[in-house]
Amino acid sequence: MSHWRFDRAAVLGAGIAGLVTARVLSEHYDEVVVAERDVLPDRPGHRRFVPQSHHAHGLLSSGRRVLLGLFPGLSAELAAAGALTPGSGDPAMGDRSLFLVRGETTIRIPAWWSGGFGASRILIEHVIRARVRALPNVTVLERTPVTGLLTDRSRRRITGVRAAGEDLGADLVVDASGRNSPLPEWLERIGYRPPPQSVVHSDVRYVSVVTEPDSSFDPEWLAILGGQAESGSSVGGVVLRVEHGLLHISFGSIARSEPVPADLAGLRDFADRLTAPVVAEALRRSTPTGPIRTFRVRSNTRRHYDRAREMPDGILALGDAASAANPIYGQGMSVAALSAAALGRVLAVGDDAGFGRRAARAIAATSAEAWRLALGEDLRYRCRTEGVRSPWTTRFGEDYRNRLERAAALDPEVAAAFNDVLNLHRPLSSLASPRIIRRVLRPLRDRDPGPLSATVAAVLGAT
């Protein structure tokens, strides 16, 4: 916590990014106001302006670590609300694993490695929102659309925002409004160029449904990620165990693949033909509890506020408003939490000189690895890009990538390294360290799959 404080901060958006940012800012500002255009439910529920909440969301262990640090007792609260957590004692948690399925290769990641929650996005957001609303110096305003920025006479400093037709003054404004952020347009209105940006046209289409599994269905997995029938396929499925024993099943296609049906019979046929058998089985052995939902994201944008030639003081962006990678990889909530934590570290320095530039760089650095990881996968599917810089780590050869994934299915050390990268604990470049390369290139028959699932070894054939 810093030894100096400001008067007021304004946060745009009351999603995960906005709520966690408000919690961080509450330690440094006398008052924090969160402006949200949507109606906020008083129980776990979907919102009009967050259609993506109907689709499976993952929380990486890096993001979970930040949330537990900011909200002590969060894990117990989620467990009390029906979520699966490492300490919940729920027999459904047991010794189950996360399965990352790439065709014939299944990487089994023990649940205690990932340390995530078995909870839906709407439950996680609900519990966090209640905690933030309980903070004495935070006010959350719903039905409050923000339409522009306020500036001083020189237009060199942002002094607040125009919210619901009234002026809301602030020493700092943080845009956490999501991937459709209007901030670049607002900056143009006051005479600034929008930041340079990188765009990936991935054209992701989702179809999702929440189901109740049959009483006889007791799989060994806690979650299925990837869910591809063939390695490199642009179609896959995700199955997450969430609160109250339900399954959240999402199917996704990328780069103009075959459209995913939105009716149950068509979806089951699609799963049987084009996704991994474990995904198809989960859908076949469960019953929908609500309607099938669809969603489409045509492109993903990284706005480089850290590289902008000129920016007014008093304005920052984080979460999807700054870097919105392909949502199919499930990084969004964790990147938002990590970025808010990075902002807190900059504020803790206690030096206003150059604060905006340092904060923008810290936020950009925090989200960079997630963007690179998603970019590498998107390039694998030949997605069209604009203004994208492709570091060498996004261009691992197809053969090395495949060997790495197969090695991770049998070699605990490679699996651990792979897990660290997926959970944003270590950079993608760590998978090209000499030690990991040597283990990846060893013949698979030389591995001892004992520490991993015998089922997975059987699937692979250990060849």
Protein backbone atom coordinates (compact mmCIF):
# COMPACT_ATOMS: atom_id res chain seq x y z
CA MET A 1 0.00 0.00 0.00
CA SER A 2 1.38 3.41 -0.91
CA HIS A 3 2.13 6.11 1.66
CA TRP A 4 0.24 8.73 -0.34
CA ARG A 5 -3.35 8.89 -1.57
CA PHE A 6 -5.44 10.63 -4.21
CA ASP A 7 -8.99 11.85 -3.98
CA ARG A 8 -11.03 9.92 -6.56
CA ALA A 9 -10.61 7.30 -9.27
CA ALA A 10 -13.25 6.32 -11.81
CA VAL A 11 -13.44 2.83 -13.32
CA LEU A 12 -15.42 2.19 -16.48
CA GLY A 13 -17.09 -1.22 -16.43
CA ALA A 14 -18.16 -3.55 -13.61
CA GLY A 15 -17.02 -6.83 -15.14
CA ILE A 16 -14.15 -8.84 -13.70
CA ALA A 17 -11.56 -6.31 -14.93
CA GLY A 18 -13.41 -3.31 -13.50
CA LEU A 19 -14.20 -4.92 -10.16
CA VAL A 20 -10.65 -6.13 -9.53
CA THR A 21 -9.29 -2.73 -10.60
CA ALA A 22 -11.65 -1.01 -8.16
CA ARG A 23 -10.39 -3.27 -5.37
CA VAL A 24 -6.77 -2.36 -6.19
CA LEU A 25 -7.51 1.36 -6.45
CA SER A 26 -9.37 1.35 -3.12
CA GLU A 27 -5.97 1.11 -1.41
CA HIS A 28 -4.71 4.28 -3.08
CA TYR A 29 -7.72 6.58 -3.51
CA ASP A 30 -10.10 8.06 -0.96
CA GLU A 31 -13.01 7.29 -3.27
CA VAL A 32 -13.45 4.89 -6.18
CA VAL A 33 -16.49 5.09 -8.45
CA VAL A 34 -17.32 2.26 -10.85
CA ALA A 35 -19.62 3.27 -13.72
CA GLU A 36 -21.49 0.40 -15.43
CA ARG A 37 -24.09 0.84 -18.18
CA ASP A 38 -25.70 -2.53 -17.48
CA VAL A 39 -28.18 -3.64 -14.83
CA LEU A 40 -26.29 -5.60 -12.18
CA PRO A 41 -28.13 -8.66 -10.83
CA ASP A 42 -28.27 -9.30 -7.09
CA ARG A 43 -27.54 -13.00 -7.66
CA PRO A 44 -25.37 -14.92 -10.13
CA GLY A 45 -26.87 -14.04 -13.49
CA HIS A 46 -26.19 -13.06 -17.06
CA ARG A 47 -26.23 -9.45 -18.23
CA ARG A 48 -27.48 -7.85 -21.42
CA PHE A 49 -24.14 -6.33 -22.38
CA VAL A 50 -22.05 -9.41 -21.51
CA PRO A 51 -23.33 -12.07 -23.94
CA GLN A 52 -20.05 -13.96 -23.64
CA SER A 53 -20.95 -14.95 -20.07
CA HIS A 54 -23.13 -17.73 -21.53
CA HIS A 55 -19.96 -19.47 -22.68
CA ALA A 56 -17.32 -21.41 -20.75
CA HIS A 57 -14.78 -19.27 -18.89
CA GLY A 58 -11.60 -20.56 -17.31
CA LEU A 59 -9.65 -19.02 -14.46
CA LEU A 60 -5.92 -19.73 -14.68
CA SER A 61 -3.95 -20.37 -11.51
CA SER A 62 -2.06 -17.08 -12.02
CA GLY A 63 -5.34 -15.19 -11.98
CA ARG A 64 -6.65 -17.23 -9.06
CA ARG A 65 -3.54 -16.32 -7.06
CA VAL A 66 -4.21 -12.60 -7.58
CA LEU A 67 -7.90 -12.92 -6.66
CA LEU A 68 -7.16 -14.84 -3.47
CA GLY A 69 -4.62 -12.19 -2.47
CA LEU A 70 -7.08 -9.35 -3.03
CA PHE A 71 -10.13 -11.14 -1.65
CA PRO A 72 -9.16 -13.35 1.32
CA GLY A 73 -11.71 -16.09 1.86
CA LEU A 74 -12.87 -16.04 -1.76
CA SER A 75 -12.32 -19.77 -2.22
CA ALA A 76 -14.51 -20.59 0.79
CA GLU A 77 -17.25 -18.23 -0.43
CA LEU A 78 -17.28 -19.88 -3.84
CA ALA A 79 -17.38 -23.32 -2.25
CA ALA A 80 -20.33 -22.24 -0.10
CA ALA A 81 -22.10 -21.16 -3.30
CA GLY A 82 -21.66 -24.61 -4.80
CA ALA A 83 -18.35 -24.24 -6.66
CA LEU A 84 -15.62 -26.87 -6.76
CA THR A 85 -12.45 -25.57 -5.14
CA PRO A 86 -9.25 -27.34 -4.04
CA GLY A 87 -10.31 -27.00 -0.39
CA SER A 88 -14.03 -27.60 -0.78
CA GLY A 89 -13.90 -31.26 0.17
CA ASP A 90 -16.30 -32.03 -2.65
CA PRO A 91 -15.82 -35.64 -3.80
CA ALA A 92 -16.21 -34.42 -7.39
CA MET A 93 -12.82 -32.71 -7.02
CA GLY A 94 -11.03 -35.84 -5.78
CA ASP A 95 -7.78 -36.56 -7.65
CA ARG A 96 -9.23 -35.65 -11.02
CA SER A 97 -7.25 -33.86 -13.68
CA LEU A 98 -7.62 -31.33 -16.44
CA PHE A 99 -7.40 -32.98 -19.83
CA LEU A 100 -5.94 -31.03 -22.73
CA VAL A 101 -6.95 -33.08 -25.77
CA ARG A 102 -5.27 -32.65 -29.16
CA GLY A 103 -6.44 -35.51 -31.34
CA GLU A 104 -4.73 -38.68 -30.13
CA THR A 105 -2.65 -36.75 -27.59
CA THR A 106 -4.08 -36.07 -24.13
CA ILE A 107 -2.08 -34.03 -21.65
CA ARG A 108 -3.23 -34.78 -18.12
CA ILE A 109 -2.71 -31.88 -15.70
CA PRO A 110 -3.42 -32.70 -12.03
CA ALA A 111 -6.02 -30.33 -10.58
CA TRP A 112 -3.67 -29.25 -7.81
CA TRP A 113 -1.21 -27.99 -10.45
CA SER A 114 -3.75 -25.60 -11.91
CA GLY A 115 -5.49 -24.73 -8.64
CA GLY A 116 -8.48 -23.18 -10.37
CA PHE A 117 -12.13 -22.98 -9.39
CA GLY A 118 -14.90 -25.17 -10.74
CA ALA A 119 -17.21 -22.19 -11.11
CA SER A 120 -18.96 -20.26 -13.86
CA ARG A 121 -17.96 -16.74 -14.79
CA ILE A 122 -21.28 -15.40 -13.47
CA LEU A 123 -20.70 -16.94 -10.02
CA ILE A 124 -17.12 -15.66 -9.77
CA GLU A 125 -18.23 -12.19 -10.86
CA HIS A 126 -21.17 -12.20 -8.44
CA VAL A 127 -19.02 -13.05 -5.42
CA ILE A 128 -16.34 -10.50 -6.34
CA ARG A 129 -18.96 -7.82 -7.02
CA ALA A 130 -20.44 -8.32 -3.55
CA ARG A 131 -17.00 -8.01 -1.98
CA VAL A 132 -16.20 -4.81 -3.91
CA ARG A 133 -19.57 -3.26 -3.11
CA ALA A 134 -18.86 -3.86 0.57
CA LEU A 135 -15.70 -1.73 0.47
CA PRO A 136 -16.43 1.54 2.32
CA ASN A 137 -14.76 3.81 -0.25
CA VAL A 138 -16.11 2.15 -3.41
CA THR A 139 -19.40 3.04 -5.11
CA VAL A 140 -20.75 0.94 -7.98
CA LEU A 141 -23.18 2.81 -10.24
CA GLU A 142 -25.33 0.67 -12.51
CA ARG A 143 -27.38 1.96 -15.48
CA THR A 144 -24.66 4.61 -15.86
CA PRO A 145 -23.34 4.79 -19.43
CA VAL A 146 -20.18 6.84 -19.97
CA THR A 147 -20.16 8.91 -23.15
CA GLY A 148 -16.86 10.77 -23.14
CA LEU A 149 -13.86 12.23 -21.36
CA LEU A 150 -13.50 15.47 -19.41
CA THR A 151 -10.23 17.41 -19.69
CA ASP A 152 -8.54 20.48 -18.32
CA ARG A 153 -8.19 23.55 -20.57
CA SER A 154 -4.92 22.36 -22.07
CA ARG A 155 -6.42 18.92 -22.84
CA ARG A 156 -3.27 17.41 -21.43
CA ARG A 157 -4.97 15.86 -18.42
CA ILE A 158 -8.17 13.84 -18.11
CA THR A 159 -10.22 15.21 -15.24
CA GLY A 160 -13.13 12.78 -15.33
CA VAL A 161 -15.85 11.40 -17.56
CA ARG A 162 -19.30 12.31 -18.77
CA ALA A 163 -21.55 9.69 -17.14
CA ALA A 164 -25.34 9.44 -17.50
CA GLY A 165 -25.48 13.07 -18.62
CA GLU A 166 -23.50 14.40 -15.65
CA ASP A 167 -19.85 15.19 -15.04
CA LEU A 168 -17.97 12.72 -12.85
CA GLY A 169 -14.64 14.20 -11.81
CA ALA A 170 -11.64 11.94 -11.15
CA ASP A 171 -7.88 12.12 -10.68
CA LEU A 172 -7.55 8.86 -12.62
CA VAL A 173 -9.87 7.16 -15.10
CA VAL A 174 -9.35 3.46 -15.87
CA ASP A 175 -11.14 2.02 -18.88
CA ALA A 176 -12.09 -1.58 -18.11
CA SER A 177 -15.11 -1.59 -20.41
CA GLY A 178 -14.10 -4.56 -22.55
CA ARG A 179 -13.07 -5.37 -26.12
CA ASN A 180 -15.49 -2.82 -27.62
CA SER A 181 -13.90 0.03 -25.69
CA PRO A 182 -14.71 3.49 -27.10
CA LEU A 183 -11.52 5.03 -25.66
CA PRO A 184 -9.66 5.36 -29.02
CA GLU A 185 -12.60 7.34 -30.41
CA TRP A 186 -12.80 9.51 -27.30
CA LEU A 187 -9.09 10.31 -27.56
CA GLU A 188 -9.59 11.42 -31.17
CA ARG A 189 -12.35 13.79 -30.06
CA ILE A 190 -9.94 15.66 -27.80
CA GLY A 191 -7.15 15.81 -30.37
CA TYR A 192 -5.07 12.68 -29.75
CA ARG A 193 -4.24 9.93 -32.20
CA PRO A 194 -5.56 6.50 -31.28
CA PRO A 195 -2.84 4.11 -30.12
CA PRO A 196 -1.27 1.74 -32.64
CA GLN A 197 -2.99 -1.61 -32.62
CA SER A 198 -2.53 -5.22 -33.64
CA VAL A 199 -5.53 -7.12 -34.99
CA VAL A 200 -6.04 -10.85 -35.54
CA HIS A 201 -9.08 -11.81 -37.61
CA SER A 202 -9.82 -15.19 -36.03
CA ASP A 203 -13.60 -15.26 -36.63
CA VAL A 204 -14.43 -17.40 -33.60
CA ARG A 205 -17.92 -18.88 -33.30
CA TYR A 206 -19.20 -20.36 -30.06
CA VAL A 207 -22.13 -22.59 -29.25
CA SER A 208 -22.62 -23.42 -25.57
CA VAL A 209 -24.99 -25.18 -23.23
CA VAL A 210 -25.12 -25.90 -19.50
CA THR A 211 -26.08 -29.49 -18.74
CA GLU A 212 -26.80 -31.80 -15.82
CA PRO A 213 -24.83 -35.04 -16.13
CA ASP A 214 -26.53 -38.41 -15.80
CA SER A 215 -26.26 -39.93 -12.32
CA SER A 216 -24.15 -42.78 -13.72
CA PHE A 217 -21.67 -40.46 -15.45
CA ASP A 218 -18.52 -40.19 -13.33
CA PRO A 219 -15.54 -39.30 -15.56
CA GLU A 220 -11.99 -38.99 -14.24
CA TRP A 221 -11.55 -35.47 -15.61
CA LEU A 222 -12.34 -32.18 -13.89
CA ALA A 223 -12.26 -30.25 -17.15
CA ILE A 224 -11.58 -30.90 -20.83
CA LEU A 225 -9.71 -28.27 -22.82
CA GLY A 226 -9.01 -28.24 -26.55
CA GLY A 227 -11.29 -31.16 -27.25
CA GLN A 228 -10.03 -31.63 -30.80
CA ALA A 229 -10.67 -34.81 -32.75
CA GLU A 230 -7.41 -34.20 -34.64
CA SER A 231 -4.36 -32.21 -33.62
CA GLY A 232 -4.39 -28.88 -35.40
CA SER A 233 -8.13 -29.01 -36.06
CA SER A 234 -9.84 -25.61 -36.09
CA VAL A 235 -12.86 -27.08 -34.29
CA GLY A 236 -12.91 -28.19 -30.66
CA GLY A 237 -14.83 -28.36 -27.42
CA VAL A 238 -14.45 -27.40 -23.77
CA VAL A 239 -16.21 -29.04 -20.84
CA LEU A 240 -15.97 -27.51 -17.38
CA ARG A 241 -17.43 -28.79 -14.14
CA VAL A 242 -19.09 -25.79 -12.51
CA GLU A 243 -21.21 -25.12 -9.46
CA HIS A 244 -23.94 -27.50 -8.28
CA GLY A 245 -22.50 -30.43 -10.24
CA LEU A 246 -23.37 -28.98 -13.65
CA LEU A 247 -21.30 -29.10 -16.82
CA HIS A 248 -20.63 -26.03 -18.97
CA ILE A 249 -20.00 -27.30 -22.50
CA SER A 250 -18.78 -24.96 -25.24
CA PHE A 251 -17.95 -25.76 -28.84
CA GLY A 252 -15.84 -23.39 -30.89
CA SER A 253 -14.68 -23.01 -34.45
CA ILE A 254 -12.02 -20.67 -35.72
CA ALA A 255 -11.04 -19.17 -39.06
CA ARG A 256 -14.26 -19.93 -40.96
CA SER A 257 -14.43 -23.59 -40.06
CA GLU A 258 -17.59 -25.62 -40.36
CA PRO A 259 -20.41 -23.76 -38.52
CA VAL A 260 -21.45 -25.25 -35.17
CA PRO A 261 -25.15 -26.25 -35.03
CA ALA A 262 -27.35 -24.54 -32.45
CA ASP A 263 -29.85 -27.38 -31.90
CA LEU A 264 -29.24 -30.33 -29.58
CA ALA A 265 -29.50 -33.10 -32.18
CA GLY A 266 -27.23 -31.23 -34.60
CA LEU A 267 -24.81 -30.37 -31.81
CA ARG A 268 -24.52 -34.01 -30.72
CA ASP A 269 -23.87 -35.09 -34.30
CA PHE A 270 -21.28 -32.31 -34.67
CA ALA A 271 -19.56 -33.42 -31.45
CA ASP A 272 -19.47 -37.05 -32.56
CA ARG A 273 -17.89 -36.14 -35.90
CA LEU A 274 -15.56 -33.28 -35.15
CA THR A 275 -14.55 -33.19 -31.48
CA ALA A 276 -12.70 -35.53 -29.13
CA PRO A 277 -14.70 -38.55 -27.95
CA VAL A 278 -14.56 -37.39 -24.31
CA VAL A 279 -16.32 -34.14 -25.28
CA ALA A 280 -18.98 -35.94 -27.31
CA GLU A 281 -19.54 -38.35 -24.42
CA ALA A 282 -20.05 -35.49 -21.95
CA LEU A 283 -22.76 -33.97 -24.16
CA ARG A 284 -24.41 -37.32 -24.85
CA ARG A 285 -24.51 -38.33 -21.18
CA SER A 286 -26.03 -35.11 -19.84
CA THR A 287 -29.26 -33.12 -20.21
CA PRO A 288 -29.44 -29.38 -21.02
CA THR A 289 -30.74 -27.21 -18.18
CA GLY A 290 -31.41 -24.23 -20.44
CA PRO A 291 -31.22 -22.99 -24.03
CA ILE A 292 -28.28 -23.44 -26.37
CA ARG A 293 -26.46 -20.11 -26.79
CA THR A 294 -24.40 -18.76 -29.68
CA PHE A 295 -21.75 -16.05 -29.88
CA ARG A 296 -19.30 -14.74 -32.46
CA VAL A 297 -16.06 -12.77 -32.19
CA ARG A 298 -14.74 -11.69 -35.59
CA SER A 299 -11.43 -10.17 -34.51
CA ASN A 300 -9.12 -9.67 -31.53
CA THR A 301 -7.34 -6.39 -30.87
CA ARG A 302 -4.33 -5.35 -28.83
CA ARG A 303 -4.20 -1.58 -28.35
CA HIS A 304 -0.65 -0.45 -27.68
CA TYR A 305 -1.22 2.44 -25.28
CA ASP A 306 2.32 1.88 -24.05
CA ARG A 307 3.59 2.81 -27.54
CA ALA A 308 1.33 5.81 -28.14
CA ARG A 309 3.37 8.87 -29.08
CA GLU A 310 1.30 11.12 -26.88
CA MET A 311 -1.34 10.44 -24.26
CA PRO A 312 -3.09 12.75 -21.82
CA ASP A 313 -2.37 12.19 -18.14
CA GLY A 314 -5.00 10.59 -15.96
CA ILE A 315 -6.25 7.84 -18.28
CA LEU A 316 -5.40 4.13 -18.50
CA ALA A 317 -6.92 1.03 -20.07
CA LEU A 318 -6.63 -2.58 -18.98
CA GLY A 319 -8.27 -5.95 -19.49
CA ASP A 320 -9.90 -6.48 -22.87
CA ALA A 321 -10.06 -2.70 -23.36
CA ALA A 322 -6.28 -2.83 -23.82
CA SER A 323 -5.57 -6.37 -25.00
CA ALA A 324 -8.38 -8.65 -26.14
CA ALA A 325 -6.86 -11.94 -27.28
CA ASN A 326 -8.83 -14.77 -28.84
CA PRO A 327 -11.36 -15.66 -26.10
CA ILE A 328 -11.33 -19.33 -27.05
CA TYR A 329 -8.11 -19.75 -25.01
CA GLY A 330 -9.73 -18.69 -21.72
CA GLN A 331 -7.19 -16.09 -20.56
CA GLY A 332 -9.41 -13.02 -20.14
CA MET A 333 -10.31 -13.12 -16.45
CA SER A 334 -6.75 -13.94 -15.44
CA VAL A 335 -5.17 -11.24 -17.60
CA ALA A 336 -7.59 -8.71 -16.12
CA ALA A 337 -6.59 -9.69 -12.57
CA LEU A 338 -2.87 -9.70 -13.38
CA SER A 339 -3.13 -6.28 -15.06
CA ALA A 340 -4.95 -4.75 -12.10
CA ALA A 341 -2.26 -6.13 -9.80
CA ALA A 342 0.44 -4.60 -12.04
CA LEU A 343 -1.31 -1.23 -11.78
CA GLY A 344 -1.30 -1.58 -8.01
CA ARG A 345 2.46 -2.16 -7.98
CA VAL A 346 3.06 1.01 -9.99
CA LEU A 347 0.81 3.02 -7.64
CA ALA A 348 2.68 1.63 -4.64
CA VAL A 349 5.90 3.29 -5.85
CA GLY A 350 4.40 6.62 -4.79
CA ASP A 351 5.88 8.84 -7.50
CA ASP A 352 3.53 10.77 -9.79
CA ALA A 353 6.27 11.68 -12.29
CA GLY A 354 5.72 9.65 -15.44
CA PHE A 355 3.04 7.56 -13.75
CA GLY A 356 0.83 7.17 -16.84
CA ARG A 357 3.61 5.90 -19.07
CA ARG A 358 4.97 3.51 -16.44
CA ALA A 359 1.52 2.14 -15.68
CA ALA A 360 0.71 1.62 -19.38
CA ARG A 361 3.99 -0.25 -19.85
CA ALA A 362 3.39 -2.43 -16.80
CA ILE A 363 -0.12 -3.33 -17.96
CA ALA A 364 1.14 -4.09 -21.48
CA ALA A 365 3.97 -6.28 -20.16
CA THR A 366 1.51 -8.23 -18.01
CA SER A 367 -0.79 -9.05 -20.92
CA ALA A 368 1.98 -9.64 -23.47
CA GLU A 369 2.54 -13.35 -22.78
CA ALA A 370 -1.17 -14.16 -23.05
CA TRP A 371 -1.31 -12.30 -26.37
CA ARG A 372 1.76 -14.15 -27.71
CA LEU A 373 0.38 -17.51 -26.63
CA ALA A 374 -2.97 -16.85 -28.31
CA LEU A 375 -1.28 -15.37 -31.37
CA GLY A 376 0.83 -18.49 -31.85
CA GLU A 377 -2.30 -20.63 -31.91
CA ASP A 378 -4.16 -18.22 -34.22
CA LEU A 379 -1.26 -18.23 -36.70
CA ARG A 380 -1.45 -22.02 -36.65
CA TYR A 381 -4.91 -21.66 -38.23
CA ARG A 382 -3.72 -19.11 -40.79
CA CYS A 383 -5.75 -16.26 -39.32
CA ARG A 384 -5.30 -12.93 -41.13
CA THR A 385 -3.49 -10.22 -39.15
CA GLU A 386 -2.92 -6.46 -39.25
CA GLY A 387 -0.07 -4.63 -37.54
CA VAL A 388 1.05 -7.79 -35.76
CA ARG A 389 4.63 -8.28 -34.67
CA SER A 390 5.32 -12.02 -34.49
CA PRO A 391 8.14 -12.81 -32.03
CA TRP A 392 10.05 -16.00 -32.75
CA THR A 393 8.30 -17.75 -29.87
CA THR A 394 5.00 -17.64 -31.79
CA ARG A 395 6.58 -19.49 -34.69
CA PHE A 396 7.56 -22.81 -33.15
CA GLY A 397 7.72 -25.35 -35.94
CA GLU A 398 4.67 -27.56 -36.29
CA ASP A 399 6.77 -30.67 -35.72
CA TYR A 400 8.28 -29.32 -32.49
CA ARG A 401 4.89 -28.18 -31.22
CA ASN A 402 3.40 -31.63 -31.83
CA ARG A 403 6.34 -33.41 -30.22
CA LEU A 404 6.16 -31.08 -27.22
CA GLU A 405 2.48 -31.85 -26.67
CA ARG A 406 3.04 -35.60 -27.00
CA ALA A 407 6.01 -35.42 -24.63
CA ALA A 408 3.91 -33.48 -22.10
CA ALA A 409 1.40 -36.33 -22.11
CA LEU A 410 4.06 -38.73 -20.78
CA ASP A 411 6.83 -36.65 -19.22
CA PRO A 412 5.94 -34.93 -15.90
CA GLU A 413 8.70 -32.34 -16.27
CA VAL A 414 7.53 -31.29 -19.74
CA ALA A 415 3.93 -31.35 -18.54
CA ALA A 416 4.81 -29.06 -15.63
CA ALA A 417 6.64 -26.63 -17.92
CA PHE A 418 3.73 -26.67 -20.37
CA ASN A 419 1.27 -26.07 -17.54
CA ASP A 420 3.31 -23.11 -16.26
CA VAL A 421 3.12 -21.48 -19.68
CA LEU A 422 -0.60 -22.12 -20.13
CA ASN A 423 -1.27 -20.60 -16.71
CA LEU A 424 0.89 -17.53 -17.46
CA HIS A 425 3.46 -18.26 -14.76
CA ARG A 426 6.33 -18.52 -17.24
CA PRO A 427 6.92 -17.13 -20.74
CA LEU A 428 6.38 -19.13 -23.90
CA SER A 429 10.13 -18.94 -24.54
CA SER A 430 10.71 -21.24 -21.54
CA LEU A 431 9.47 -24.15 -23.67
CA ALA A 432 12.53 -23.63 -25.86
CA SER A 433 15.05 -23.93 -23.04
CA PRO A 434 17.84 -26.47 -23.70
CA ARG A 435 16.59 -28.77 -20.93
CA ILE A 436 12.99 -28.85 -22.24
CA ILE A 437 14.17 -29.26 -25.86
CA ARG A 438 16.26 -32.29 -24.86
CA ARG A 439 13.29 -33.88 -23.10
CA VAL A 440 10.93 -33.09 -25.98
CA LEU A 441 13.26 -34.70 -28.54
CA ARG A 442 13.80 -37.90 -26.55
CA PRO A 443 12.03 -40.94 -28.03
CA LEU A 444 8.61 -41.30 -26.40
CA ARG A 445 9.23 -44.98 -25.67
CA ASP A 446 11.96 -43.92 -23.22
CA ARG A 447 9.47 -42.10 -20.97
CA ASP A 448 8.13 -43.40 -17.69
CA PRO A 449 4.40 -42.53 -17.73
CA GLY A 450 3.94 -43.79 -14.17
CA PRO A 451 3.24 -40.38 -12.60
CA LEU A 452 0.60 -39.71 -15.25
CA SER A 453 -2.70 -41.38 -15.98
CA ALA A 454 -2.58 -44.97 -17.20
CA THR A 455 -5.66 -44.10 -19.22
CA VAL A 456 -3.78 -41.37 -21.04
CA ALA A 457 -0.83 -43.67 -21.70
CA ALA A 458 -3.22 -46.19 -23.20
CA VAL A 459 -4.78 -43.51 -25.41
CA LEU A 460 -1.35 -42.51 -26.66
CA GLY A 461 -0.11 -46.03 -27.06
CA ALA A 462 3.22 -44.77 -25.67
CA THR A 463 4.73 -44.74 -29.16
